């Protein structure tokens, strides 16, 4: 059923609740389009938490609007940006963009959260692995590096939300 839903383009959240607990069963269920896989016996509280997490994600981006799309080759696409997180490569408007490992991780985090404002602390934690609340300007510096490399190839994609953080937003504002 999940395979049919995905083939029809339906992105309804799917959690498998099953007694089948081999790693192969889990991999198959997730490969067919499931979002989560819970085996029996299970904690009702944990199941409810998983459902709430899936619903939060679905509510944030109801029809995939503003989200990056993973194509058949596994590349993430957003506007004219193509990010291949398996090959650690980036293209903008068909032009390869050379990024440092940190620049790549920063851009990948923004692409994975496209259309959503991400805070400086979220970036520090997810890109640098820091739980740092100081006055380091590292985030601003690396956003500036990305802008210098991406903006000459097309309209600006990284927008600043003053006092809040950054958002990767397509030129048409979608």
Protein backbone atom coordinates (compact mmCIF):
# COMPACT_ATOMS: atom_id res chain seq x y z
CA UNK A 1 0.00 0.00 0.00
CA UNK A 2 2.80 2.41 0.86
CA UNK A 3 4.49 1.79 -2.48
CA UNK A 4 1.22 2.59 -4.28
CA UNK A 5 0.76 5.80 -2.26
CA UNK A 6 4.25 6.99 -3.17
CA UNK A 7 3.84 6.02 -6.84
CA UNK A 8 0.67 8.13 -6.90
CA UNK A 9 2.60 11.08 -5.42
CA UNK A 10 0.88 10.90 -2.03
CA UNK A 11 3.21 12.11 0.75
CA UNK A 12 0.93 11.17 3.64
CA UNK A 13 3.10 10.22 6.64
CA UNK A 14 3.39 6.44 7.04
CA UNK A 15 4.51 4.59 10.17
CA UNK A 16 4.78 0.83 9.96
CA UNK A 17 3.60 -0.89 13.15
CA UNK A 18 4.53 -4.54 12.84
CA UNK A 19 5.85 -7.70 14.43
CA UNK A 20 8.34 -8.13 11.57
CA UNK A 21 11.58 -7.06 13.16
CA UNK A 22 14.48 -8.16 10.98
CA UNK A 23 16.78 -5.48 9.61
CA UNK A 24 15.75 -6.52 6.08
CA UNK A 25 12.08 -5.89 6.92
CA UNK A 26 12.91 -2.44 8.30
CA UNK A 27 15.01 -1.53 5.26
CA UNK A 28 12.29 -2.74 2.89
CA UNK A 29 9.56 -0.78 4.68
CA UNK A 30 11.56 2.44 4.66
CA UNK A 31 12.73 1.93 1.08
CA UNK A 32 9.14 1.54 -0.07
CA UNK A 33 8.39 5.01 1.30
CA UNK A 34 7.63 4.59 4.99
CA UNK A 35 8.64 7.41 7.30
CA UNK A 36 9.13 5.29 10.40
CA UNK A 37 9.14 1.61 11.39
CA UNK A 38 8.02 0.48 14.86
CA UNK A 39 8.12 -3.16 15.93
CA UNK A 40 6.11 -4.96 18.57
CA UNK A 41 6.31 -4.82 21.50
CA UNK A 42 6.35 -1.04 21.54
CA UNK A 43 5.81 1.79 23.98
CA UNK A 44 2.57 3.66 23.37
CA UNK A 45 4.23 6.86 24.59
CA UNK A 46 7.08 6.45 22.09
CA UNK A 47 4.60 5.72 19.28
CA UNK A 48 2.60 8.84 20.13
CA UNK A 49 5.82 10.91 20.14
CA UNK A 50 6.76 9.53 16.70
CA UNK A 51 3.29 10.36 15.34
CA UNK A 52 3.49 13.89 16.72
CA UNK A 53 6.94 14.40 15.16
CA UNK A 54 5.69 13.25 11.74
CA UNK A 55 2.62 15.47 11.99
CA UNK A 56 4.78 18.48 12.97
CA UNK A 57 6.90 17.98 9.86
CA UNK A 58 3.82 17.53 7.66
CA UNK A 59 2.23 20.70 9.09
CA UNK A 60 5.40 22.78 8.58
CA UNK A 61 5.44 21.96 4.88
CA UNK A 62 1.94 20.78 3.97
CA UNK A 63 2.34 20.10 0.25
CA UNK A 64 6.08 20.12 -0.06
CA UNK A 65 5.88 23.84 -0.85
CA UNK A 66 9.26 25.41 -0.42
CA UNK A 67 10.94 22.07 0.20
CA UNK A 68 13.92 20.68 -1.63
CA UNK A 69 13.08 17.68 -3.80
CA UNK A 70 15.23 14.56 -4.05
CA UNK A 71 15.29 13.35 -7.65
CA UNK A 72 15.62 9.80 -9.02
CA UNK A 73 19.43 9.99 -8.85
CA UNK A 74 19.35 10.97 -5.16
CA UNK A 75 20.31 14.60 -5.70
CA UNK A 76 18.54 17.34 -3.76
CA UNK A 77 17.12 20.11 -5.95
CA UNK A 78 15.96 23.52 -4.84
CA UNK A 79 15.36 26.33 -7.33
CA UNK A 80 18.41 26.16 -9.64
CA UNK A 81 20.58 24.57 -6.96
CA UNK A 82 21.56 20.87 -7.13
CA UNK A 83 23.23 19.29 -4.12
CA UNK A 84 24.56 15.74 -4.21
CA UNK A 85 25.29 14.78 -0.62
CA UNK A 86 26.74 11.42 -1.68
CA UNK A 87 29.34 12.99 -3.98
CA UNK A 88 29.70 16.21 -1.93
CA UNK A 89 29.07 18.28 -5.05
CA UNK A 90 27.01 21.38 -5.73
CA UNK A 91 25.82 23.06 -8.91
CA UNK A 92 24.05 26.37 -9.31
CA UNK A 93 22.39 27.08 -12.67
CA UNK A 94 24.35 24.14 -14.10
CA UNK A 95 27.72 25.52 -12.96
CA UNK A 96 29.78 23.44 -10.49
CA UNK A 97 30.49 25.30 -7.24
CA UNK A 98 33.58 24.43 -5.22
CA UNK A 99 32.81 24.44 -1.49
CA UNK A 100 34.88 23.67 1.58
CA UNK A 101 33.56 20.82 3.77
CA UNK A 102 32.09 23.33 6.24
CA UNK A 103 30.46 25.38 3.48
CA UNK A 104 28.99 22.18 2.06
CA UNK A 105 27.56 21.09 5.44
CA UNK A 106 26.07 24.56 5.96
CA UNK A 107 24.46 24.60 2.51
CA UNK A 108 23.22 21.01 2.93
CA UNK A 109 21.55 21.95 6.23
CA UNK A 110 19.90 24.97 4.61
CA UNK A 111 18.74 22.87 1.63
CA UNK A 112 17.33 20.16 3.90
CA UNK A 113 15.41 22.91 5.72
CA UNK A 114 14.56 24.99 2.64
CA UNK A 115 11.74 27.44 3.18
CA UNK A 116 12.14 27.33 6.97
CA UNK A 117 13.99 29.86 9.07
CA UNK A 118 16.90 28.23 10.89
CA UNK A 119 18.44 29.94 13.88
CA UNK A 120 22.11 30.62 14.46
CA UNK A 121 22.12 28.11 17.34
CA UNK A 122 20.56 25.41 15.09
CA UNK A 123 23.32 26.04 12.56
CA UNK A 124 26.06 25.94 15.19
CA UNK A 125 24.71 22.68 16.59
CA UNK A 126 24.02 20.91 13.29
CA UNK A 127 26.88 22.17 11.12
CA UNK A 128 29.69 22.71 13.62
CA UNK A 129 28.44 20.41 16.39
CA UNK A 130 28.78 23.21 18.90
CA UNK A 131 26.49 24.02 21.76
CA UNK A 132 27.92 27.53 21.81
CA UNK A 133 26.02 30.58 22.98
CA UNK A 134 28.88 33.09 22.70
CA UNK A 135 29.47 35.89 20.24
CA UNK A 136 31.38 33.93 17.61
CA UNK A 137 30.72 35.26 14.12
CA UNK A 138 31.47 31.90 12.47
CA UNK A 139 27.91 31.44 11.15
CA UNK A 140 27.80 34.91 9.61
CA UNK A 141 31.26 34.41 8.11
CA UNK A 142 30.36 31.12 6.42
CA UNK A 143 26.99 32.41 5.18
CA UNK A 144 28.97 35.25 3.61
CA UNK A 145 31.33 32.73 1.95
CA UNK A 146 28.34 30.83 0.52
CA UNK A 147 26.73 34.01 -0.77
CA UNK A 148 29.97 35.04 -2.52
CA UNK A 149 30.07 31.68 -4.32
CA UNK A 150 26.34 31.24 -5.10
CA UNK A 151 24.98 34.73 -5.73
CA UNK A 152 27.05 35.50 -8.88
CA UNK A 153 25.35 32.50 -10.53
CA UNK A 154 21.75 33.63 -9.97
CA UNK A 155 19.37 35.53 -7.71
CA UNK A 156 20.19 35.37 -3.99
CA UNK A 157 18.84 32.25 -2.26
CA UNK A 158 20.01 32.74 1.35
CA UNK A 159 17.96 35.38 3.11
CA UNK A 160 18.69 36.86 6.51
CA UNK A 161 15.86 37.09 9.03
CA UNK A 162 17.33 39.78 11.23
CA UNK A 163 17.49 38.76 14.86
CA UNK A 164 16.24 35.25 14.03
CA UNK A 165 18.43 33.41 11.53
CA UNK A 166 18.55 32.45 7.86
CA UNK A 167 16.23 30.91 5.31
CA UNK A 168 16.97 29.32 1.96
CA UNK A 169 14.24 30.81 -0.21
CA UNK A 170 13.76 30.61 -3.96
CA UNK A 171 13.91 33.88 -5.92
CA UNK A 172 10.14 33.83 -6.50
CA UNK A 173 9.60 33.70 -2.73
CA UNK A 174 7.89 30.28 -2.78
